[in-house]
Amino acid sequence: MSKAGSGKGGWIRDIIIAAVLVAAVAFFLKPILVNQMSMYPTLHENDYVFLNRQAYDFGQPERGDIVVFPTEDGNTGEEILYVKRVIGLPGETVEIHDGHVWIDGVMLEEDYTADGYTAGEMEQVTVGAGRLFVMGDNRQDSLDSRMIGTIPIDSVVGEAFLRVWPLGRFGPV
């Protein structure tokens, strides 16, 4: 008498199932290492997070999403990935004054920033069609749309959604 799945074909089937699962995970998810402090306190340096690579295949990013996109390193010319939070959406105006970000003249409530304060002033910028205004949560240590300008939506690699390391902080981001 043999058990289901045992025998000559059982291990081949198991290998095929495992290969399909690995391929599916690789298609939908991308692990990245956070190597900057610009998203502190939400993400810390050396956090590993998973990106949903298909997050925007059937929709658009929303304010508050944490997105990953490539940009060129000004020193080396190499492509690096930035992790930032979506602040302004296409057609909206973004400005910074009085320690806060303002969207279309309304102060943005931001409980995720490092200190609840956005230093400096920025004149009103209108986010173009197909573009996003992004910022890091650690406003004092973030190279973001205030300096690099808005980013094309179609450059977004995915949405960060799950921290997998360190285990003590495992969970959604």
Protein backbone atom coordinates (compact mmCIF):
# COMPACT_ATOMS: atom_id res chain seq x y z
CA MET A 1 0.00 0.00 0.00
CA SER A 2 1.38 3.42 -0.91
CA LYS A 3 0.60 6.86 0.39
CA ALA A 4 -0.66 9.62 -1.88
CA GLY A 5 2.22 11.59 -3.30
CA SER A 6 4.78 8.92 -2.57
CA GLY A 7 6.55 6.92 -5.16
CA LYS A 8 8.41 7.81 -8.30
CA GLY A 9 6.26 10.75 -9.45
CA GLY A 10 5.59 12.24 -6.01
CA TRP A 11 8.94 13.94 -5.56
CA ILE A 12 8.90 15.26 -9.13
CA ARG A 13 5.48 16.79 -8.50
CA ASP A 14 6.75 18.35 -5.25
CA ILE A 15 9.73 19.90 -7.05
CA ILE A 16 7.45 21.32 -9.77
CA ILE A 17 5.07 22.78 -7.17
CA ALA A 18 7.98 24.34 -5.27
CA ALA A 19 9.39 25.82 -8.50
CA VAL A 20 6.02 27.30 -9.44
CA LEU A 21 5.65 28.82 -5.96
CA VAL A 22 9.14 30.36 -6.09
CA ALA A 23 8.45 31.78 -9.57
CA ALA A 24 5.11 33.23 -8.44
CA VAL A 25 6.70 34.91 -5.41
CA ALA A 26 9.49 36.33 -7.59
CA PHE A 27 6.90 37.68 -10.05
CA PHE A 28 4.73 39.37 -7.43
CA LEU A 29 7.21 40.25 -4.67
CA LYS A 30 10.62 41.88 -4.57
CA PRO A 31 12.69 41.99 -1.39
CA ILE A 32 14.76 45.12 -0.80
CA LEU A 33 17.15 46.26 1.90
CA VAL A 34 16.55 49.77 3.20
CA ASN A 35 19.96 51.43 3.32
CA GLN A 36 18.97 54.95 4.23
CA MET A 37 17.39 56.82 7.13
CA SER A 38 15.01 58.91 5.02
CA MET A 39 11.92 56.86 5.99
CA TYR A 40 12.63 56.79 9.74
CA PRO A 41 10.66 56.13 11.98
CA THR A 42 8.53 54.02 9.62
CA LEU A 43 11.51 52.14 8.18
CA HIS A 44 14.95 51.87 9.74
CA GLU A 45 18.29 51.38 8.07
CA ASN A 46 18.88 47.65 7.39
CA ASP A 47 15.18 46.76 7.41
CA TYR A 48 14.23 44.18 4.79
CA VAL A 49 10.86 44.87 3.17
CA PHE A 50 8.84 43.21 0.46
CA LEU A 51 7.47 45.19 -2.45
CA ASN A 52 4.26 44.32 -4.21
CA ARG A 53 5.42 44.56 -7.83
CA GLN A 54 1.88 44.46 -9.20
CA ALA A 55 0.39 47.01 -6.78
CA TYR A 56 -0.31 49.53 -9.51
CA ASP A 57 -1.02 47.31 -12.51
CA PHE A 58 -4.74 48.00 -12.12
CA GLY A 59 -4.75 51.21 -10.12
CA GLN A 60 -2.78 54.29 -9.19
CA PRO A 61 -0.70 55.10 -6.12
CA GLU A 62 -2.59 56.83 -3.33
CA ARG A 63 -1.43 59.44 -0.86
CA GLY A 64 0.37 57.72 2.00
CA ASP A 65 1.59 54.73 -0.03
CA ILE A 66 5.26 53.88 0.41
CA VAL A 67 6.69 53.46 -3.07
CA VAL A 68 10.05 52.41 -4.46
CA PHE A 69 11.48 53.89 -7.64
CA PRO A 70 14.89 54.02 -9.31
CA THR A 71 16.96 57.16 -9.65
CA GLU A 72 20.50 57.88 -10.72
CA ASP A 73 23.17 58.39 -8.07
CA GLY A 74 24.61 61.84 -8.73
CA ASN A 75 28.13 60.74 -7.74
CA THR A 76 28.46 57.39 -9.49
CA GLY A 77 25.79 57.52 -12.18
CA GLU A 78 24.54 54.12 -11.00
CA GLU A 79 20.84 53.39 -10.63
CA ILE A 80 19.72 53.15 -7.01
CA LEU A 81 16.31 52.52 -5.47
CA TYR A 82 14.65 55.20 -3.36
CA VAL A 83 11.93 54.47 -0.81
CA LYS A 84 9.53 57.40 -0.26
CA ARG A 85 5.96 58.17 0.75
CA VAL A 86 3.45 59.51 -1.79
CA ILE A 87 2.44 63.03 -0.75
CA GLY A 88 1.05 64.74 -3.85
CA LEU A 89 -1.01 63.22 -6.65
CA PRO A 90 -1.41 64.34 -10.28
CA GLY A 91 -3.13 67.73 -10.56
CA GLU A 92 -2.66 68.67 -6.90
CA THR A 93 -0.67 71.62 -5.60
CA VAL A 94 1.90 71.00 -2.88
CA GLU A 95 3.55 73.65 -0.74
CA ILE A 96 5.45 73.76 2.53
CA HIS A 97 5.19 76.53 5.11
CA ASP A 98 4.61 77.01 8.82
CA GLY A 99 6.20 73.61 9.50
CA HIS A 100 3.62 71.66 7.49
CA VAL A 101 2.86 70.30 4.02
CA TRP A 102 -0.22 71.74 2.35
CA ILE A 103 -2.16 70.00 -0.43
CA ASP A 104 -4.48 72.25 -2.44
CA GLY A 105 -4.42 74.73 0.46
CA VAL A 106 -5.30 72.16 3.15
CA MET A 107 -2.75 71.14 5.78
CA LEU A 108 -1.77 67.48 5.46
CA GLU A 109 -2.06 65.48 8.70
CA GLU A 110 1.13 63.44 8.99
CA ASP A 111 1.47 61.21 12.04
CA TYR A 112 4.21 59.16 10.36
CA THR A 113 6.95 61.83 10.21
CA ALA A 114 9.98 61.65 12.46
CA ASP A 115 9.13 64.78 14.42
CA GLY A 116 5.76 66.02 13.12
CA TYR A 117 7.45 69.00 11.54
CA THR A 118 8.60 69.82 8.02
CA ALA A 119 11.30 72.47 8.12
CA GLY A 120 11.75 75.10 5.49
CA GLU A 121 9.54 76.71 2.93
CA MET A 122 8.62 75.50 -0.53
CA GLU A 123 6.57 77.52 -2.96
CA GLN A 124 3.53 75.92 -4.49
CA VAL A 125 4.27 73.17 -7.01
CA THR A 126 1.61 71.61 -9.22
CA VAL A 127 2.08 67.87 -9.71
CA GLY A 128 1.91 67.09 -13.41
CA ALA A 129 -0.17 64.40 -15.09
CA GLY A 130 1.34 60.96 -14.62
CA ARG A 131 3.65 62.14 -11.82
CA LEU A 132 3.92 61.98 -8.00
CA PHE A 133 5.34 64.25 -5.32
CA VAL A 134 7.16 62.02 -2.82
CA MET A 135 8.90 62.68 0.50
CA GLY A 136 10.69 60.71 3.17
CA ASP A 137 9.19 60.49 6.66
CA ASN A 138 12.47 61.76 8.13
CA ARG A 139 12.16 65.20 6.56
CA GLN A 140 15.53 66.42 7.88
CA ASP A 141 17.39 63.56 6.15
CA SER A 142 15.55 62.88 2.90
CA LEU A 143 16.46 63.54 -0.70
CA ASP A 144 12.98 63.72 -2.21
CA SER A 145 10.69 65.71 -4.53
CA ARG A 146 11.72 68.93 -2.81
CA MET A 147 15.12 68.48 -4.46
CA ILE A 148 14.71 65.94 -7.28
CA GLY A 149 11.29 67.06 -8.46
CA THR A 150 8.24 64.92 -9.07
CA ILE A 151 8.66 61.35 -10.27
CA PRO A 152 6.88 59.54 -13.11
CA ILE A 153 4.25 57.10 -11.87
CA ASP A 154 5.40 54.55 -14.42
CA SER A 155 8.88 54.53 -12.81
CA VAL A 156 7.48 53.08 -9.57
CA VAL A 157 8.85 49.55 -9.08
CA GLY A 158 6.31 48.64 -6.41
CA GLU A 159 4.69 49.43 -3.10
CA ALA A 160 6.47 48.51 0.14
CA PHE A 161 3.96 46.59 2.23
CA LEU A 162 5.68 44.13 4.58
CA ARG A 163 8.76 44.36 6.80
CA VAL A 164 10.29 40.89 7.17
CA TRP A 165 13.46 41.81 9.09
CA PRO A 166 14.24 42.36 11.86
CA LEU A 167 11.81 39.79 13.18
CA GLY A 168 11.00 41.90 16.22
CA ARG A 169 9.41 44.48 13.90
CA PHE A 170 7.89 42.02 11.41
CA GLY A 171 4.62 43.28 9.97
CA PRO A 172 2.94 45.68 7.57
CA VAL A 173 4.54 49.05 6.86
